[in-house]
Structure formats: C-alpha cells, structure tokens
Amino acid sequence: MIEMPLDDRVLTALERNPYIERRNLRFETSSGRVTLRGVVNTYFQKQMAQEAIKRIEGVDEIANELEVCWT
C-alpha cells in the first residue's frame, strides 16, 4: 500500500474540517513539521486548523502562524 505524502494528508484534513475555510489558509511541511499560515476569522478557527492536523501520522510539530482578523 502506497502512503499518501504528508502534504496530501494535511490538505485532506484541512479540507474536511467544517469549521475552517481553506481559501485563506496555506501550509508548508518539512521533516514532520507543519507550518500553518494565512488568515482566519476567529481564534476557534485557528485552533480547529491545528486540531485537524495534529493526529496525522508523520506530523511531529505544528507551527500555528495563522492570524485572526475579524472581517
């Protein structure tokens, strides 16, 4: 069985999370570290983005650099 690359697993988890909008979210992966960047509307959405990826196999560290900006 071929394992999905970490980028694909993170993208899938973020897309499946009903609490966040993917359009203003970016991420990078490197050696088990995922860096989240972009803008969300609430601190809840910031937390939900992190929660969506923290249990993914291969994710050892999360740098949540999302900015909260009320629109």
PDB file of N, CA and C in Angstrom:
ATOM      1  N   MET A   1       0.843  -1.187   0.000  1.00  0.00           N
ATOM      2  CA  MET A   1       0.000   0.000   0.000  1.00  0.00           C
ATOM      3  C   MET A   1       0.886   1.249   0.000  1.00  0.00           C
ATOM      4  N   ILE A   2       0.583   2.169  -0.887  1.00  0.00           N
ATOM      5  CA  ILE A   2       1.358   3.398  -1.006  1.00  0.00           C
ATOM      6  C   ILE A   2       0.797   4.438  -0.041  1.00  0.00           C
ATOM      7  N   GLU A   3       1.668   5.000   0.767  1.00  0.00           N
ATOM      8  CA  GLU A   3       1.251   6.015   1.731  1.00  0.00           C
ATOM      9  C   GLU A   3       1.184   7.374   1.041  1.00  0.00           C
ATOM     10  N   MET A   4       0.122   8.119   1.362  1.00  0.00           N
ATOM     11  CA  MET A   4      -0.011   9.468   0.802  1.00  0.00           C
ATOM     12  C   MET A   4       1.090  10.365   1.360  1.00  0.00           C
ATOM     13  N   PRO A   5       1.615  11.270   0.550  1.00  0.00           N
ATOM     14  CA  PRO A   5       2.592  12.233   1.061  1.00  0.00           C
ATOM     15  C   PRO A   5       1.974  13.090   2.175  1.00  0.00           C
ATOM     16  N   LEU A   6       2.812  13.577   3.066  1.00  0.00           N
ATOM     17  CA  LEU A   6       2.341  14.370   4.196  1.00  0.00           C
ATOM     18  C   LEU A   6       1.545  15.590   3.724  1.00  0.00           C
ATOM     19  N   ASP A   7       1.995  16.264   2.668  1.00  0.00           N
ATOM     20  CA  ASP A   7       1.261  17.414   2.137  1.00  0.00           C
ATOM     21  C   ASP A   7      -0.182  17.049   1.808  1.00  0.00           C
ATOM     22  N   ASP A   8      -0.371  15.912   1.172  1.00  0.00           N
ATOM     23  CA  ASP A   8      -1.713  15.482   0.780  1.00  0.00           C
ATOM     24  C   ASP A   8      -2.574  15.154   1.995  1.00  0.00           C
ATOM     25  N   ARG A   9      -1.979  14.527   3.000  1.00  0.00           N
ATOM     26  CA  ARG A   9      -2.742  14.189   4.209  1.00  0.00           C
ATOM     27  C   ARG A   9      -3.169  15.448   4.963  1.00  0.00           C
ATOM     28  N   VAL A  10      -2.274  16.441   5.028  1.00  0.00           N
ATOM     29  CA  VAL A  10      -2.607  17.705   5.698  1.00  0.00           C
ATOM     30  C   VAL A  10      -3.706  18.423   4.923  1.00  0.00           C
ATOM     31  N   LEU A  11      -3.571  18.498   3.617  1.00  0.00           N
ATOM     32  CA  LEU A  11      -4.571  19.160   2.789  1.00  0.00           C
ATOM     33  C   LEU A  11      -5.941  18.510   2.951  1.00  0.00           C
ATOM     34  N   THR A  12      -5.982  17.192   2.926  1.00  0.00           N
ATOM     35  CA  THR A  12      -7.237  16.467   3.091  1.00  0.00           C
ATOM     36  C   THR A  12      -7.873  16.766   4.448  1.00  0.00           C
ATOM     37  N   ALA A  13      -7.080  16.758   5.503  1.00  0.00           N
ATOM     38  CA  ALA A  13      -7.605  17.028   6.847  1.00  0.00           C
ATOM     39  C   ALA A  13      -8.166  18.442   6.943  1.00  0.00           C
ATOM     40  N   LEU A  14      -7.491  19.400   6.359  1.00  0.00           N
ATOM     41  CA  LEU A  14      -7.974  20.789   6.401  1.00  0.00           C
ATOM     42  C   LEU A  14      -9.244  20.956   5.571  1.00  0.00           C
ATOM     43  N   GLU A  15      -9.300  20.306   4.424  1.00  0.00           N
ATOM     44  CA  GLU A  15     -10.480  20.411   3.565  1.00  0.00           C
ATOM     45  C   GLU A  15     -11.704  19.753   4.199  1.00  0.00           C
ATOM     46  N   ARG A  16     -11.492  18.724   4.988  1.00  0.00           N
ATOM     47  CA  ARG A  16     -12.607  18.004   5.613  1.00  0.00           C
ATOM     48  C   ARG A  16     -13.112  18.677   6.890  1.00  0.00           C
ATOM     49  N   ASN A  17     -12.364  19.646   7.397  1.00  0.00           N
ATOM     50  CA  ASN A  17     -12.768  20.309   8.634  1.00  0.00           C
ATOM     51  C   ASN A  17     -13.849  21.337   8.319  1.00  0.00           C
ATOM     52  N   PRO A  18     -15.058  21.160   8.877  1.00  0.00           N
ATOM     53  CA  PRO A  18     -16.161  22.068   8.545  1.00  0.00           C
ATOM     54  C   PRO A  18     -16.043  23.459   9.177  1.00  0.00           C
ATOM     55  N   TYR A  19     -15.106  23.645  10.077  1.00  0.00           N
ATOM     56  CA  TYR A  19     -15.008  24.902  10.818  1.00  0.00           C
ATOM     57  C   TYR A  19     -14.055  25.917  10.195  1.00  0.00           C
ATOM     58  N   ILE A  20     -13.314  25.499   9.190  1.00  0.00           N
ATOM     59  CA  ILE A  20     -12.336  26.425   8.611  1.00  0.00           C
ATOM     60  C   ILE A  20     -12.523  26.525   7.104  1.00  0.00           C
ATOM     61  N   GLU A  21     -12.166  27.681   6.567  1.00  0.00           N
ATOM     62  CA  GLU A  21     -12.198  27.899   5.127  1.00  0.00           C
ATOM     63  C   GLU A  21     -10.772  27.776   4.606  1.00  0.00           C
ATOM     64  N   ARG A  22     -10.585  26.914   3.649  1.00  0.00           N
ATOM     65  CA  ARG A  22      -9.253  26.621   3.115  1.00  0.00           C
ATOM     66  C   ARG A  22      -8.687  27.750   2.270  1.00  0.00           C
ATOM     67  N   ARG A  23      -9.533  28.620   1.734  1.00  0.00           N
ATOM     68  CA  ARG A  23      -9.051  29.589   0.741  1.00  0.00           C
ATOM     69  C   ARG A  23      -8.020  30.573   1.288  1.00  0.00           C
ATOM     70  N   ASN A  24      -8.065  30.898   2.568  1.00  0.00           N
ATOM     71  CA  ASN A  24      -7.113  31.834   3.162  1.00  0.00           C
ATOM     72  C   ASN A  24      -6.049  31.133   3.997  1.00  0.00           C
ATOM     73  N   LEU A  25      -5.931  29.841   3.800  1.00  0.00           N
ATOM     74  CA  LEU A  25      -5.002  29.038   4.584  1.00  0.00           C
ATOM     75  C   LEU A  25      -3.914  28.462   3.691  1.00  0.00           C
ATOM     76  N   ARG A  26      -2.691  28.554   4.155  1.00  0.00           N
ATOM     77  CA  ARG A  26      -1.569  27.933   3.456  1.00  0.00           C
ATOM     78  C   ARG A  26      -0.794  27.103   4.473  1.00  0.00           C
ATOM     79  N   PHE A  27      -0.041  26.157   3.980  1.00  0.00           N
ATOM     80  CA  PHE A  27       0.788  25.365   4.890  1.00  0.00           C
ATOM     81  C   PHE A  27       2.023  24.887   4.159  1.00  0.00           C
ATOM     82  N   GLU A  28       3.033  24.595   4.940  1.00  0.00           N
ATOM     83  CA  GLU A  28       4.265  24.004   4.430  1.00  0.00           C
ATOM     84  C   GLU A  28       4.599  22.825   5.329  1.00  0.00           C
ATOM     85  N   THR A  29       5.184  21.792   4.744  1.00  0.00           N
ATOM     86  CA  THR A  29       5.640  20.658   5.540  1.00  0.00           C
ATOM     87  C   THR A  29       7.123  20.438   5.287  1.00  0.00           C
ATOM     88  N   SER A  30       7.825  20.067   6.350  1.00  0.00           N
ATOM     89  CA  SER A  30       9.243  19.771   6.236  1.00  0.00           C
ATOM     90  C   SER A  30       9.670  18.898   7.407  1.00  0.00           C
ATOM     91  N   SER A  31      10.067  17.696   7.125  1.00  0.00           N
ATOM     92  CA  SER A  31      10.580  16.762   8.140  1.00  0.00           C
ATOM     93  C   SER A  31       9.658  16.623   9.344  1.00  0.00           C
ATOM     94  N   GLY A  32       8.361  16.453   9.100  1.00  0.00           N
ATOM     95  CA  GLY A  32       7.410  16.253  10.189  1.00  0.00           C
ATOM     96  C   GLY A  32       6.887  17.533  10.820  1.00  0.00           C
ATOM     97  N   ARG A  33       7.376  18.670  10.378  1.00  0.00           N
ATOM     98  CA  ARG A  33       6.911  19.954  10.906  1.00  0.00           C
ATOM     99  C   ARG A  33       5.929  20.561   9.903  1.00  0.00           C
ATOM    100  N   VAL A  34       4.766  20.972  10.397  1.00  0.00           N
ATOM    101  CA  VAL A  34       3.772  21.641   9.559  1.00  0.00           C
ATOM    102  C   VAL A  34       3.649  23.080  10.047  1.00  0.00           C
ATOM    103  N   THR A  35       3.796  24.016   9.114  1.00  0.00           N
ATOM    104  CA  THR A  35       3.633  25.429   9.430  1.00  0.00           C
ATOM    105  C   THR A  35       2.358  25.915   8.758  1.00  0.00           C
ATOM    106  N   LEU A  36       1.422  26.386   9.597  1.00  0.00           N
ATOM    107  CA  LEU A  36       0.165  26.936   9.098  1.00  0.00           C
ATOM    108  C   LEU A  36       0.304  28.439   8.968  1.00  0.00           C
ATOM    109  N   ARG A  37      -0.129  28.984   7.835  1.00  0.00           N
ATOM    110  CA  ARG A  37      -0.082  30.433   7.617  1.00  0.00           C
ATOM    111  C   ARG A  37      -1.374  30.873   6.949  1.00  0.00           C
ATOM    112  N   GLY A  38      -1.688  32.138   7.118  1.00  0.00           N
ATOM    113  CA  GLY A  38      -2.875  32.684   6.484  1.00  0.00           C
ATOM    114  C   GLY A  38      -3.708  33.446   7.496  1.00  0.00           C
ATOM    115  N   VAL A  39      -4.955  33.679   7.123  1.00  0.00           N
ATOM    116  CA  VAL A  39      -5.858  34.478   7.946  1.00  0.00           C
ATOM    117  C   VAL A  39      -7.147  33.699   8.180  1.00  0.00           C
ATOM    118  N   VAL A  40      -7.593  33.687   9.423  1.00  0.00           N
ATOM    119  CA  VAL A  40      -8.883  33.103   9.786  1.00  0.00           C
ATOM    120  C   VAL A  40      -9.697  34.169  10.520  1.00  0.00           C
ATOM    121  N   ASN A  41     -11.001  33.930  10.667  1.00  0.00           N
ATOM    122  CA  ASN A  41     -11.889  34.930  11.265  1.00  0.00           C
ATOM    123  C   ASN A  41     -11.943  34.880  12.786  1.00  0.00           C
ATOM    124  N   THR A  42     -11.634  33.713  13.373  1.00  0.00           N
ATOM    125  CA  THR A  42     -11.772  33.580  14.823  1.00  0.00           C
ATOM    126  C   THR A  42     -10.635  32.738  15.401  1.00  0.00           C
ATOM    127  N   TYR A  43     -10.441  32.871  16.706  1.00  0.00           N
ATOM    128  CA  TYR A  43      -9.462  32.023  17.392  1.00  0.00           C
ATOM    129  C   TYR A  43      -9.910  30.565  17.367  1.00  0.00           C
ATOM    130  N   PHE A  44     -11.212  30.337  17.349  1.00  0.00           N
ATOM    131  CA  PHE A  44     -11.737  28.977  17.251  1.00  0.00           C
ATOM    132  C   PHE A  44     -11.272  28.330  15.948  1.00  0.00           C
ATOM    133  N   GLN A  45     -11.361  29.066  14.836  1.00  0.00           N
ATOM    134  CA  GLN A  45     -10.923  28.525  13.555  1.00  0.00           C
ATOM    135  C   GLN A  45      -9.423  28.255  13.567  1.00  0.00           C
ATOM    136  N   LYS A  46      -8.660  29.125  14.210  1.00  0.00           N
ATOM    137  CA  LYS A  46      -7.217  28.915  14.325  1.00  0.00           C
ATOM    138  C   LYS A  46      -6.935  27.607  15.055  1.00  0.00           C
ATOM    139  N   GLN A  47      -7.650  27.388  16.152  1.00  0.00           N
ATOM    140  CA  GLN A  47      -7.468  26.169  16.926  1.00  0.00           C
ATOM    141  C   GLN A  47      -7.936  24.939  16.143  1.00  0.00           C
ATOM    142  N   MET A  48      -9.049  25.059  15.431  1.00  0.00           N
ATOM    143  CA  MET A  48      -9.581  23.925  14.672  1.00  0.00           C
ATOM    144  C   MET A  48      -8.636  23.506  13.539  1.00  0.00           C
ATOM    145  N   ALA A  49      -7.947  24.462  12.935  1.00  0.00           N
ATOM    146  CA  ALA A  49      -6.968  24.123  11.901  1.00  0.00           C
ATOM    147  C   ALA A  49      -5.857  23.271  12.500  1.00  0.00           C
ATOM    148  N   GLN A  50      -5.408  23.653  13.675  1.00  0.00           N
ATOM    149  CA  GLN A  50      -4.352  22.890  14.346  1.00  0.00           C
ATOM    150  C   GLN A  50      -4.864  21.519  14.773  1.00  0.00           C
ATOM    151  N   GLU A  51      -6.065  21.483  15.324  1.00  0.00           N
ATOM    152  CA  GLU A  51      -6.647  20.206  15.761  1.00  0.00           C
ATOM    153  C   GLU A  51      -6.823  19.246  14.584  1.00  0.00           C
ATOM    154  N   ALA A  52      -7.137  19.791  13.411  1.00  0.00           N
ATOM    155  CA  ALA A  52      -7.391  18.955  12.230  1.00  0.00           C
ATOM    156  C   ALA A  52      -6.155  18.168  11.810  1.00  0.00           C
ATOM    157  N   ILE A  53      -4.976  18.701  12.105  1.00  0.00           N
ATOM    158  CA  ILE A  53      -3.759  18.032  11.614  1.00  0.00           C
ATOM    159  C   ILE A  53      -2.906  17.399  12.697  1.00  0.00           C
ATOM    160  N   LYS A  54      -3.226  17.623  13.954  1.00  0.00           N
ATOM    161  CA  LYS A  54      -2.304  17.171  14.995  1.00  0.00           C
ATOM    162  C   LYS A  54      -2.221  15.655  15.155  1.00  0.00           C
ATOM    163  N   ARG A  55      -3.211  14.928  14.706  1.00  0.00           N
ATOM    164  CA  ARG A  55      -3.182  13.461  14.847  1.00  0.00           C
ATOM    165  C   ARG A  55      -2.770  12.741  13.569  1.00  0.00           C
ATOM    166  N   ILE A  56      -2.360  13.497  12.571  1.00  0.00           N
ATOM    167  CA  ILE A  56      -1.929  12.880  11.312  1.00  0.00           C
ATOM    168  C   ILE A  56      -0.573  12.204  11.524  1.00  0.00           C
ATOM    169  N   GLU A  57      -0.503  10.972  11.077  1.00  0.00           N
ATOM    170  CA  GLU A  57       0.768  10.246  11.176  1.00  0.00           C
ATOM    171  C   GLU A  57       1.835  10.991  10.384  1.00  0.00           C
ATOM    172  N   GLY A  58       2.963  11.201  11.007  1.00  0.00           N
ATOM    173  CA  GLY A  58       4.054  11.914  10.360  1.00  0.00           C
ATOM    174  C   GLY A  58       4.175  13.370  10.785  1.00  0.00           C
ATOM    175  N   VAL A  59       3.149  13.891  11.465  1.00  0.00           N
ATOM    176  CA  VAL A  59       3.208  15.267  11.974  1.00  0.00           C
ATOM    177  C   VAL A  59       3.801  15.213  13.376  1.00  0.00           C
ATOM    178  N   ASP A  60       4.999  15.763  13.521  1.00  0.00           N
ATOM    179  CA  ASP A  60       5.682  15.772  14.811  1.00  0.00           C
ATOM    180  C   ASP A  60       5.590  17.123  15.505  1.00  0.00           C
ATOM    181  N   GLU A  61       5.416  18.173  14.725  1.00  0.00           N
ATOM    182  CA  GLU A  61       5.409  19.525  15.271  1.00  0.00           C
ATOM    183  C   GLU A  61       4.516  20.407  14.406  1.00  0.00           C
ATOM    184  N   ILE A  62       3.781  21.335  15.057  1.00  0.00           N
ATOM    185  CA  ILE A  62       2.931  22.266  14.338  1.00  0.00           C
ATOM    186  C   ILE A  62       3.306  23.682  14.742  1.00  0.00           C
ATOM    187  N   ALA A  63       3.586  24.511  13.754  1.00  0.00           N
ATOM    188  CA  ALA A  63       3.811  25.939  13.987  1.00  0.00           C
ATOM    189  C   ALA A  63       2.570  26.652  13.465  1.00  0.00           C
ATOM    190  N   ASN A  64       1.720  27.076  14.387  1.00  0.00           N
ATOM    191  CA  ASN A  64       0.462  27.719  14.012  1.00  0.00           C
ATOM    192  C   ASN A  64       0.676  29.227  13.931  1.00  0.00           C
ATOM    193  N   GLU A  65       0.941  29.701  12.718  1.00  0.00           N
ATOM    194  CA  GLU A  65       1.195  31.120  12.485  1.00  0.00           C
ATOM    195  C   GLU A  65      -0.022  31.810  11.857  1.00  0.00           C
ATOM    196  N   LEU A  66      -1.185  31.204  12.007  1.00  0.00           N
ATOM    197  CA  LEU A  66      -2.399  31.804  11.480  1.00  0.00           C
ATOM    198  C   LEU A  66      -2.718  33.097  12.212  1.00  0.00           C
ATOM    199  N   GLU A  67      -3.171  34.084  11.469  1.00  0.00           N
ATOM    200  CA  GLU A  67      -3.571  35.367  12.046  1.00  0.00           C
ATOM    201  C   GLU A  67      -5.079  35.417  12.138  1.00  0.00           C
ATOM    202  N   VAL A  68      -5.584  35.974  13.226  1.00  0.00           N
ATOM    203  CA  VAL A  68      -7.015  36.152  13.391  1.00  0.00           C
ATOM    204  C   VAL A  68      -7.347  37.592  13.006  1.00  0.00           C
ATOM    205  N   CYS A  69      -8.243  37.729  12.045  1.00  0.00           N
ATOM    206  CA  CYS A  69      -8.630  39.057  11.566  1.00  0.00           C
ATOM    207  C   CYS A  69     -10.136  39.049  11.351  1.00  0.00           C
ATOM    208  N   TRP A  70     -10.845  39.769  12.173  1.00  0.00           N
ATOM    209  CA  TRP A  70     -12.296  39.825  12.045  1.00  0.00           C
ATOM    210  C   TRP A  70     -12.647  40.659  10.830  1.00  0.00           C
ATOM    211  N   THR A  71     -13.565  40.141  10.026  1.00  0.00           N
ATOM    212  CA  THR A  71     -13.990  40.867   8.828  1.00  0.00           C
ATOM    213  C   THR A  71     -15.396  41.351   8.948  1.00  0.00           C
TER     214      THR A  71
END
